C-alpha atoms as a PDB file:
ATOM      1  CA  MET A   1      -7.221  -0.979  14.379  1.00  0.00           C
ATOM      2  CA  GLU A   2     -10.077   1.503  14.645  1.00  0.00           C
ATOM      3  CA  SER A   3      -8.246   3.651  17.226  1.00  0.00           C
ATOM      4  CA  ILE A   4      -5.058   3.803  15.163  1.00  0.00           C
ATOM      5  CA  PRO A   5      -5.139   5.932  12.029  1.00  0.00           C
ATOM      6  CA  LEU A   6      -3.952   3.988   9.014  1.00  0.00           C
ATOM      7  CA  PRO A   7      -0.770   5.125   7.309  1.00  0.00           C
ATOM      8  CA  SER A   8      -0.973   6.488   3.807  1.00  0.00           C
ATOM      9  CA  ASN A   9      -0.924   4.074   0.907  1.00  0.00           C
ATOM     10  CA  ASP A  10       0.841   6.735  -1.165  1.00  0.00           C
ATOM     11  CA  ALA A  11       4.557   6.990  -1.818  1.00  0.00           C
ATOM     12  CA  GLU A  12       6.173   9.129   0.877  1.00  0.00           C
ATOM     13  CA  PRO A  13       9.776  10.026  -0.051  1.00  0.00           C
ATOM     14  CA  ALA A  14      10.168  12.118   3.120  1.00  0.00           C
ATOM     15  CA  ARG A  15       9.347   9.028   5.205  1.00  0.00           C
ATOM     16  CA  TYR A  16      12.480   7.288   3.954  1.00  0.00           C
ATOM     17  CA  ALA A  17      14.875  10.247   3.844  1.00  0.00           C
ATOM     18  CA  GLY A  18      17.982   9.174   5.729  1.00  0.00           C
ATOM     19  CA  ARG A  19      16.362   5.806   6.528  1.00  0.00           C
ATOM     20  CA  PRO A  20      16.781   3.478   3.545  1.00  0.00           C
ATOM     21  CA  LEU A  21      16.506   0.439   5.800  1.00  0.00           C
ATOM     22  CA  LEU A  22      12.877   1.396   6.477  1.00  0.00           C
ATOM     23  CA  ILE A  23      11.842   0.759   2.862  1.00  0.00           C
ATOM     24  CA  VAL A  24      13.792  -2.512   2.927  1.00  0.00           C
ATOM     25  CA  LEU A  25      11.894  -3.566   6.059  1.00  0.00           C
ATOM     26  CA  GLU A  26       8.540  -2.617   4.545  1.00  0.00           C
ATOM     27  CA  ASN A  27       9.403  -4.538   1.366  1.00  0.00           C
ATOM     28  CA  TYR A  28      10.406  -7.507   3.524  1.00  0.00           C
ATOM     29  CA  ILE A  29       7.001  -7.414   5.213  1.00  0.00           C
ATOM     30  CA  LEU A  30       5.239  -7.070   1.852  1.00  0.00           C
ATOM     31  CA  ASP A  31       7.147 -10.047   0.474  1.00  0.00           C
ATOM     32  CA  CYS A  32       6.264 -12.142   3.524  1.00  0.00           C
ATOM     33  CA  ILE A  33       2.567 -11.537   2.890  1.00  0.00           C
ATOM     34  CA  GLY A  34       2.896 -12.189  -0.852  1.00  0.00           C
ATOM     35  CA  GLU A  35       2.360  -8.558  -1.872  1.00  0.00           C
ATOM     36  CA  LEU A  36       5.760  -7.447  -3.207  1.00  0.00           C
ATOM     37  CA  SER A  37       5.944  -7.275  -6.989  1.00  0.00           C
ATOM     38  CA  ALA A  38       8.707  -9.109  -8.830  1.00  0.00           C
ATOM     39  CA  ASP A  39      10.354  -5.856  -9.920  1.00  0.00           C
ATOM     40  CA  LYS A  40      10.418  -4.561  -6.347  1.00  0.00           C
ATOM     41  CA  GLN A  41      11.779  -7.915  -5.144  1.00  0.00           C
ATOM     42  CA  SER A  42      14.612  -7.603  -7.645  1.00  0.00           C
ATOM     43  CA  LEU A  43      15.325  -3.984  -6.712  1.00  0.00           C
ATOM     44  CA  THR A  44      15.255  -4.788  -2.994  1.00  0.00           C
ATOM     45  CA  GLN A  45      17.602  -7.724  -3.543  1.00  0.00           C
ATOM     46  CA  LYS A  46      20.087  -5.415  -5.308  1.00  0.00           C
ATOM     47  CA  ILE A  47      19.850  -2.827  -2.519  1.00  0.00           C
ATOM     48  CA  VAL A  48      20.332  -5.445   0.197  1.00  0.00           C
ATOM     49  CA  GLN A  49      23.242  -7.097  -1.596  1.00  0.00           C
ATOM     50  CA  GLY A  50      24.875  -3.731  -2.284  1.00  0.00           C
ATOM     51  CA  THR A  51      24.499  -2.640   1.319  1.00  0.00           C
ATOM     52  CA  PHE A  52      24.975  -5.834   3.315  1.00  0.00           C
ATOM     53  CA  GLY A  53      26.328  -8.375   0.840  1.00  0.00           C
ATOM     54  CA  GLY A  54      24.789 -11.798   0.970  1.00  0.00           C
ATOM     55  CA  GLY A  55      23.500 -14.129  -1.693  1.00  0.00           C
ATOM     56  CA  ASP A  56      20.335 -14.355  -3.722  1.00  0.00           C
ATOM     57  CA  ASP A  57      18.163 -14.809  -0.617  1.00  0.00           C
ATOM     58  CA  TRP A  58      17.916 -11.129   0.315  1.00  0.00           C
ATOM     59  CA  LYS A  59      15.352 -11.913   3.009  1.00  0.00           C
ATOM     60  CA  ALA A  60      17.871 -14.152   4.808  1.00  0.00           C
ATOM     61  CA  THR A  61      20.328 -11.254   4.747  1.00  0.00           C
ATOM     62  CA  VAL A  62      17.703  -8.880   6.171  1.00  0.00           C
ATOM     63  CA  ARG A  63      16.834 -11.413   8.899  1.00  0.00           C
ATOM     64  CA  GLN A  64      20.520 -11.712   9.772  1.00  0.00           C
ATOM     65  CA  GLN A  65      21.088  -7.947   9.840  1.00  0.00           C
ATOM     66  CA  LEU A  66      17.980  -7.255  11.933  1.00  0.00           C
ATOM     67  CA  GLN A  67      18.442 -10.381  14.049  1.00  0.00           C
ATOM     68  CA  PHE A  68      15.035 -11.768  13.095  1.00  0.00           C
ATOM     69  CA  GLU A  69      14.141 -15.411  13.562  1.00  0.00           C
ATOM     70  CA  PRO A  70      12.876 -17.122  10.373  1.00  0.00           C
ATOM     71  CA  LYS A  71       9.502 -17.663  12.070  1.00  0.00           C
ATOM     72  CA  ILE A  72       8.865 -13.896  11.867  1.00  0.00           C
ATOM     73  CA  GLU A  73       7.676 -14.425   8.298  1.00  0.00           C
ATOM     74  CA  ASP A  74       4.803 -16.613   9.518  1.00  0.00           C
ATOM     75  CA  ALA A  75       4.050 -14.044  12.212  1.00  0.00           C
ATOM     76  CA  PHE A  76       3.742 -11.308   9.560  1.00  0.00           C
ATOM     77  CA  ARG A  77       1.376 -13.509   7.517  1.00  0.00           C
ATOM     78  CA  ARG A  78      -0.785 -14.222  10.564  1.00  0.00           C
ATOM     79  CA  MET A  79      -0.831 -10.511  11.463  1.00  0.00           C
ATOM     80  CA  TRP A  80      -1.870  -9.652   7.881  1.00  0.00           C
ATOM     81  CA  GLU A  81      -4.714 -12.181   7.942  1.00  0.00           C
ATOM     82  CA  HIS A  82      -5.825 -11.026  11.404  1.00  0.00           C
ATOM     83  CA  ASN A  83      -5.789  -7.351  10.445  1.00  0.00           C
ATOM     84  CA  GLN A  84      -7.630  -8.101   7.207  1.00  0.00           C
ATOM     85  CA  ARG A  85     -10.403  -9.754   9.265  1.00  0.00           C
ATOM     86  CA  ILE A  86     -10.564  -6.772  11.628  1.00  0.00           C
ATOM     87  CA  ALA A  87     -10.719  -4.341   8.722  1.00  0.00           C
ATOM     88  CA  GLY A  88     -13.515  -6.357   7.147  1.00  0.00           C
ATOM     89  CA  GLU A  89     -15.477  -6.403  10.404  1.00  0.00           C
ATOM     90  CA  HIS A  90     -15.296  -2.589  10.420  1.00  0.00           C
ATOM     91  CA  ASP A  91     -16.108  -2.237   6.707  1.00  0.00           C
ATOM     92  CA  GLN A  92     -12.632  -0.843   6.089  1.00  0.00           C
ATOM     93  CA  THR A  93      -9.987  -1.685   3.540  1.00  0.00           C
ATOM     94  CA  LEU A  94      -6.454  -2.299   4.713  1.00  0.00           C
ATOM     95  CA  LEU A  95      -4.061  -2.182   1.789  1.00  0.00           C
ATOM     96  CA  PRO A  96      -0.779  -4.120   1.872  1.00  0.00           C
ATOM     97  CA  THR A  97       1.388  -0.994   1.872  1.00  0.00           C
ATOM     98  CA  GLN A  98      -0.600   0.453   4.766  1.00  0.00           C
ATOM     99  CA  PHE A  99      -0.125  -2.787   6.669  1.00  0.00           C
ATOM    100  CA  ALA A 100       3.640  -2.840   6.045  1.00  0.00           C
ATOM    101  CA  LYS A 101       4.001   0.767   7.203  1.00  0.00           C
ATOM    102  CA  MET A 102       1.834   0.105  10.252  1.00  0.00           C
ATOM    103  CA  VAL A 103       3.878  -2.952  11.258  1.00  0.00           C
ATOM    104  CA  ALA A 104       7.161  -1.081  10.787  1.00  0.00           C
ATOM    105  CA  ASP A 105       5.914   1.935  12.759  1.00  0.00           C
ATOM    106  CA  GLN A 106       4.390  -0.019  15.630  1.00  0.00           C
ATOM    107  CA  ASN A 107       6.960  -2.779  16.017  1.00  0.00           C
ATOM    108  CA  PHE A 108      10.309  -1.539  14.749  1.00  0.00           C
ATOM    109  CA  ALA A 109      10.378   2.209  15.421  1.00  0.00           C
ATOM    110  CA  GLN A 110      13.410   1.688  17.673  1.00  0.00           C
ATOM    111  CA  LEU A 111      15.443   0.789  14.568  1.00  0.00           C
ATOM    112  CA  PHE A 112      14.886   4.185  12.978  1.00  0.00           C
ATOM    113  CA  PRO A 113      14.883   7.847  13.929  1.00  0.00           C
ATOM    114  CA  ALA A 114      11.410   9.267  14.499  1.00  0.00           C
ATOM    115  CA  ILE A 115       9.049   8.281  11.696  1.00  0.00           C
ATOM    116  CA  PRO A 116       7.298  11.395  10.347  1.00  0.00           C
ATOM    117  CA  ARG A 117       3.542  11.299  10.024  1.00  0.00           C
ATOM    118  CA  GLY A 118       1.768  12.172   6.769  1.00  0.00           C
ATOM    119  CA  LYS A 119       0.494  15.686   6.343  1.00  0.00           C
END
């Protein structure tokens, strides 16, 4: 973690321009680690249902669309806990949004056009 600069915790509209699935993925990750607010869960559910259909379980629809196994949710939780420990060992703070962006950038970049870096 110390050799990789952390993504911004700020809103970055340019990051998602032309890539709405990226925010859905980041919200999926945030929900898996228990850090997605109820209002954002509801909004994400509406976006997923409007785009892909599916029922009330928007995360199941995302898993289906991205061909994720259900066990990926546990993997995200373990990664969050692991990265929180590493951050603590280096006297750093890793915020949930930074983590979600980092996971999306490092593990799912092939799903999206090039992800712009903050200025």
